[in-house]
């Protein structure tokens, strides 16, 4: 009988998520029952990274862990309600931990804990507190491959879309940009490496500028613009 703790890994499809998952699997403390990804109902793509569901499923199949999607019919406004349903589903299976790939955003970690701890779920953050450049270098050493698919327009221009995560990219990031994009400067899609049993074939169809409105602490809406790669 396995004495490993049952967990769900919150999968974004990006590099930090992949690095954290690879670390968790190597350490073998947790039995990862499922990957969990939030998907916007209107677009059928993951929230934030905007990865099509078809490619998320290909990632999960190649990793060898089933994907559980939480559909958000009203965008992030329905996040808490839908995640509560997901927690109930997994607690019935004996899951006690939710794992994330955050590095340093204290408000994000506090938010996760404030929502999950009262439901009897412990938050695990295997990359937490590390220096961002050190995490970037750990990713390169991991052998996992990723490309940039989203950038915040006022931080990184359109030319960064499609760039490989490598040493050249690290050297070319402008001053003030977090090496891992922890402040939302960029997001990635992982497609190959030791974590995967088979390389994920994909291509960038087009790049477009999109905008999202987010409610900040004062209650007002703030608009952010992004360069977004449509991938398939």
Protein backbone atom coordinates (compact mmCIF):
# COMPACT_ATOMS: atom_id res chain seq x y z
CA UNK A 1 0.00 0.00 0.00
CA UNK A 2 1.31 3.44 -0.94
CA UNK A 3 1.87 5.87 1.91
CA UNK A 4 2.26 8.83 -0.42
CA UNK A 5 -0.05 11.79 0.11
CA UNK A 6 -2.75 12.15 -2.54
CA UNK A 7 -2.51 15.42 -4.45
CA UNK A 8 -3.83 17.34 -7.41
CA UNK A 9 -1.36 19.36 -9.46
CA UNK A 10 -2.68 22.71 -10.71
CA UNK A 11 -1.37 22.69 -14.28
CA UNK A 12 -0.92 25.88 -16.31
CA UNK A 13 0.89 24.24 -19.21
CA UNK A 14 3.83 26.62 -18.77
CA UNK A 15 7.44 26.27 -17.71
CA UNK A 16 7.22 26.90 -13.94
CA UNK A 17 4.30 24.50 -13.70
CA UNK A 18 6.25 21.84 -15.60
CA UNK A 19 9.38 22.33 -13.49
CA UNK A 20 7.38 22.08 -10.27
CA UNK A 21 5.60 18.93 -11.46
CA UNK A 22 8.85 17.26 -12.52
CA UNK A 23 10.31 18.06 -9.09
CA UNK A 24 7.24 16.61 -7.31
CA UNK A 25 7.35 13.41 -9.37
CA UNK A 26 11.08 12.96 -8.75
CA UNK A 27 10.75 13.42 -4.99
CA UNK A 28 7.91 10.87 -4.88
CA UNK A 29 6.31 12.23 -1.69
CA UNK A 30 2.96 12.76 -3.39
CA UNK A 31 0.75 10.57 -5.52
CA UNK A 32 -0.48 12.99 -8.18
CA UNK A 33 -4.01 11.85 -8.97
CA UNK A 34 -4.74 14.46 -11.62
CA UNK A 35 -3.66 17.64 -13.32
CA UNK A 36 -6.19 20.45 -12.90
CA UNK A 37 -6.57 23.37 -15.29
CA UNK A 38 -9.14 26.17 -15.35
CA UNK A 39 -10.67 26.71 -18.80
CA UNK A 40 -12.70 29.70 -19.98
CA UNK A 41 -15.99 28.39 -21.34
CA UNK A 42 -16.29 30.91 -24.17
CA UNK A 43 -12.87 30.18 -25.71
CA UNK A 44 -12.16 26.62 -24.50
CA UNK A 45 -8.66 27.75 -23.63
CA UNK A 46 -6.84 27.87 -20.31
CA UNK A 47 -7.13 31.04 -18.28
CA UNK A 48 -4.09 33.37 -18.47
CA UNK A 49 -1.95 31.17 -20.78
CA UNK A 50 -4.76 30.76 -23.35
CA UNK A 51 -3.70 27.23 -24.29
CA UNK A 52 -6.34 25.35 -26.31
CA UNK A 53 -7.94 22.42 -24.49
CA UNK A 54 -6.78 20.05 -27.24
CA UNK A 55 -3.13 20.88 -26.48
CA UNK A 56 -3.65 20.69 -22.71
CA UNK A 57 -5.00 17.17 -23.21
CA UNK A 58 -1.99 16.28 -25.35
CA UNK A 59 0.33 17.50 -22.57
CA UNK A 60 -1.51 15.44 -19.96
CA UNK A 61 -1.51 12.32 -22.15
CA UNK A 62 2.21 12.65 -22.80
CA UNK A 63 2.95 13.20 -19.09
CA UNK A 64 0.76 10.21 -18.19
CA UNK A 65 -1.50 11.95 -15.65
CA UNK A 66 -5.20 12.58 -16.40
CA UNK A 67 -6.40 16.16 -16.89
CA UNK A 68 -9.38 17.50 -14.94
CA UNK A 69 -10.75 20.77 -16.30
CA UNK A 70 -12.65 23.35 -14.28
CA UNK A 71 -14.82 25.30 -16.71
CA UNK A 72 -15.40 28.96 -15.83
CA UNK A 73 -18.70 30.06 -17.46
CA UNK A 74 -18.28 33.64 -16.22
CA UNK A 75 -14.53 33.92 -16.45
CA UNK A 76 -12.60 34.53 -13.23
CA UNK A 77 -15.81 35.78 -11.56
CA UNK A 78 -16.88 32.15 -11.20
CA UNK A 79 -13.46 30.86 -10.07
CA UNK A 80 -14.16 30.42 -6.35
CA UNK A 81 -17.48 28.67 -6.90
CA UNK A 82 -16.20 26.24 -9.53
CA UNK A 83 -13.01 25.45 -7.62
CA UNK A 84 -15.04 24.64 -4.51
CA UNK A 85 -16.90 22.03 -6.58
CA UNK A 86 -13.59 20.63 -7.83
CA UNK A 87 -12.23 20.39 -4.28
CA UNK A 88 -15.32 18.42 -3.19
CA UNK A 89 -14.81 16.07 -6.14
CA UNK A 90 -11.20 15.34 -5.23
CA UNK A 91 -11.67 15.19 -1.47
CA UNK A 92 -14.11 12.34 -2.09
CA UNK A 93 -11.15 10.52 -3.65
CA UNK A 94 -8.92 11.14 -0.64
CA UNK A 95 -6.95 14.09 -2.00
CA UNK A 96 -5.46 16.26 0.76
CA UNK A 97 -3.04 18.55 -1.11
CA UNK A 98 -3.17 20.94 -4.08
CA UNK A 99 0.21 21.70 -5.68
CA UNK A 100 1.08 24.92 -7.53
CA UNK A 101 4.11 26.31 -9.41
CA UNK A 102 4.27 29.80 -7.85
CA UNK A 103 7.64 31.32 -6.98
CA UNK A 104 7.31 34.59 -5.10
CA UNK A 105 3.92 36.32 -5.31
CA UNK A 106 2.85 36.36 -1.67
CA UNK A 107 -0.66 37.64 -2.39
CA UNK A 108 -1.29 34.77 -4.81
CA UNK A 109 -0.09 32.17 -2.30
CA UNK A 110 -2.18 33.77 0.47
CA UNK A 111 -5.25 33.76 -1.79
CA UNK A 112 -4.83 30.06 -2.54
CA UNK A 113 -4.43 29.21 1.13
CA UNK A 114 -7.39 31.37 2.19
CA UNK A 115 -9.66 29.51 -0.25
CA UNK A 116 -8.31 25.96 0.09
CA UNK A 117 -7.26 25.59 3.72
CA UNK A 118 -10.83 26.08 5.06
CA UNK A 119 -11.90 23.26 2.72
CA UNK A 120 -9.36 20.90 4.25
CA UNK A 121 -6.81 21.14 1.43
CA UNK A 122 -3.15 21.98 2.09
CA UNK A 123 -1.30 24.12 -0.46
CA UNK A 124 2.11 22.89 -1.63
CA UNK A 125 4.54 25.19 -3.49
CA UNK A 126 7.74 23.31 -4.48
CA UNK A 127 9.39 26.37 -6.11
CA UNK A 128 8.35 28.85 -3.43
CA UNK A 129 10.89 31.38 -2.15
CA UNK A 130 13.57 30.57 -4.72
CA UNK A 131 15.45 33.29 -6.59
CA UNK A 132 13.74 33.74 -9.94
CA UNK A 133 16.94 33.55 -11.98
CA UNK A 134 17.93 30.37 -10.13
CA UNK A 135 14.53 28.85 -11.00
CA UNK A 136 15.06 29.85 -14.64
CA UNK A 137 18.44 28.10 -14.67
CA UNK A 138 16.93 25.05 -12.95
CA UNK A 139 14.38 24.93 -15.74
CA UNK A 140 17.13 24.96 -18.37
CA UNK A 141 18.94 22.15 -16.55
CA UNK A 142 15.69 20.13 -16.27
CA UNK A 143 15.68 19.43 -20.00
CA UNK A 144 12.08 20.61 -20.39
CA UNK A 145 11.42 22.68 -23.51
CA UNK A 146 9.09 25.70 -23.69
CA UNK A 147 8.29 28.66 -25.92
CA UNK A 148 6.76 32.05 -25.13
CA UNK A 149 3.14 32.34 -26.25
CA UNK A 150 1.92 35.44 -24.34
CA UNK A 151 3.63 38.72 -23.40
CA UNK A 152 2.36 41.81 -21.61
CA UNK A 153 2.67 44.50 -24.28
CA UNK A 154 4.17 47.18 -22.04
CA UNK A 155 6.84 44.74 -20.80
CA UNK A 156 7.89 42.64 -23.82
CA UNK A 157 7.16 43.37 -27.47
CA UNK A 158 5.76 41.08 -30.15
CA UNK A 159 9.21 39.80 -31.16
CA UNK A 160 9.36 37.70 -27.98
CA UNK A 161 6.40 35.57 -29.10
CA UNK A 162 7.67 32.15 -30.16
CA UNK A 163 11.05 32.59 -28.46
CA UNK A 164 12.56 29.47 -26.92
CA UNK A 165 13.25 29.50 -23.18
CA UNK A 166 17.04 29.33 -23.22
CA UNK A 167 20.20 31.12 -22.10
CA UNK A 168 19.93 33.56 -25.03
CA UNK A 169 16.47 34.63 -23.89
CA UNK A 170 17.67 35.18 -20.32
CA UNK A 171 20.45 37.48 -21.56
CA UNK A 172 18.07 39.42 -23.81
CA UNK A 173 15.36 40.24 -21.24
CA UNK A 174 15.10 44.02 -20.63
CA UNK A 175 15.99 45.46 -17.24
CA UNK A 176 13.22 45.11 -14.68
CA UNK A 177 11.71 41.97 -16.22
CA UNK A 178 11.48 39.03 -13.85
CA UNK A 179 13.49 36.16 -15.42
CA UNK A 180 10.58 33.74 -14.95
CA UNK A 181 7.90 36.30 -15.85
CA UNK A 182 6.54 35.95 -12.32
CA UNK A 183 4.87 39.36 -12.52
CA UNK A 184 2.96 38.38 -15.64
CA UNK A 185 5.50 39.67 -18.15
CA UNK A 186 5.25 36.51 -20.25
CA UNK A 187 3.72 33.02 -20.32
CA UNK A 188 4.89 29.84 -22.00
CA UNK A 189 3.85 26.50 -23.48
CA UNK A 190 5.90 23.39 -22.61
CA UNK A 191 6.18 20.74 -25.29
CA UNK A 192 9.14 18.38 -24.77
CA UNK A 193 11.69 17.02 -22.31
CA UNK A 194 11.98 14.33 -19.62
CA UNK A 195 8.54 15.16 -18.19
CA UNK A 196 6.90 14.09 -21.45
CA UNK A 197 6.76 10.62 -22.98
CA UNK A 198 6.23 12.16 -26.41
CA UNK A 199 6.99 15.58 -27.87
CA UNK A 200 3.93 17.83 -28.28
CA UNK A 201 3.80 19.02 -31.87
CA UNK A 202 2.32 22.51 -32.18
CA UNK A 203 2.57 25.65 -34.28
CA UNK A 204 1.83 29.34 -33.93
CA UNK A 205 -0.95 30.26 -36.38
CA UNK A 206 -1.02 34.00 -35.74
CA UNK A 207 -0.18 36.63 -33.14
CA UNK A 208 -2.74 39.19 -32.04
CA UNK A 209 -3.10 41.90 -29.42
CA UNK A 210 -5.78 41.19 -26.80
CA UNK A 211 -6.87 42.91 -23.60
CA UNK A 212 -8.20 41.75 -20.24
CA UNK A 213 -9.84 43.72 -17.46
CA UNK A 214 -8.86 42.80 -13.89
CA UNK A 215 -10.39 44.04 -10.68
CA UNK A 216 -7.66 45.46 -8.41
CA UNK A 217 -7.71 45.90 -4.63
CA UNK A 218 -9.54 49.23 -4.80
CA UNK A 219 -12.40 47.56 -6.67
CA UNK A 220 -11.76 49.38 -9.94
CA UNK A 221 -11.09 47.62 -13.23
CA UNK A 222 -7.64 47.89 -14.76
CA UNK A 223 -7.02 46.91 -18.37
CA UNK A 224 -3.92 44.96 -19.42
CA UNK A 225 -2.91 44.35 -23.02
CA UNK A 226 -1.08 41.27 -24.27
CA UNK A 227 0.52 39.87 -27.38
CA UNK A 228 -1.10 36.47 -27.72
CA UNK A 229 -0.06 33.59 -29.96
CA UNK A 230 -2.86 31.44 -31.31
CA UNK A 231 -1.44 27.93 -31.24
CA UNK A 232 -2.67 24.56 -32.48
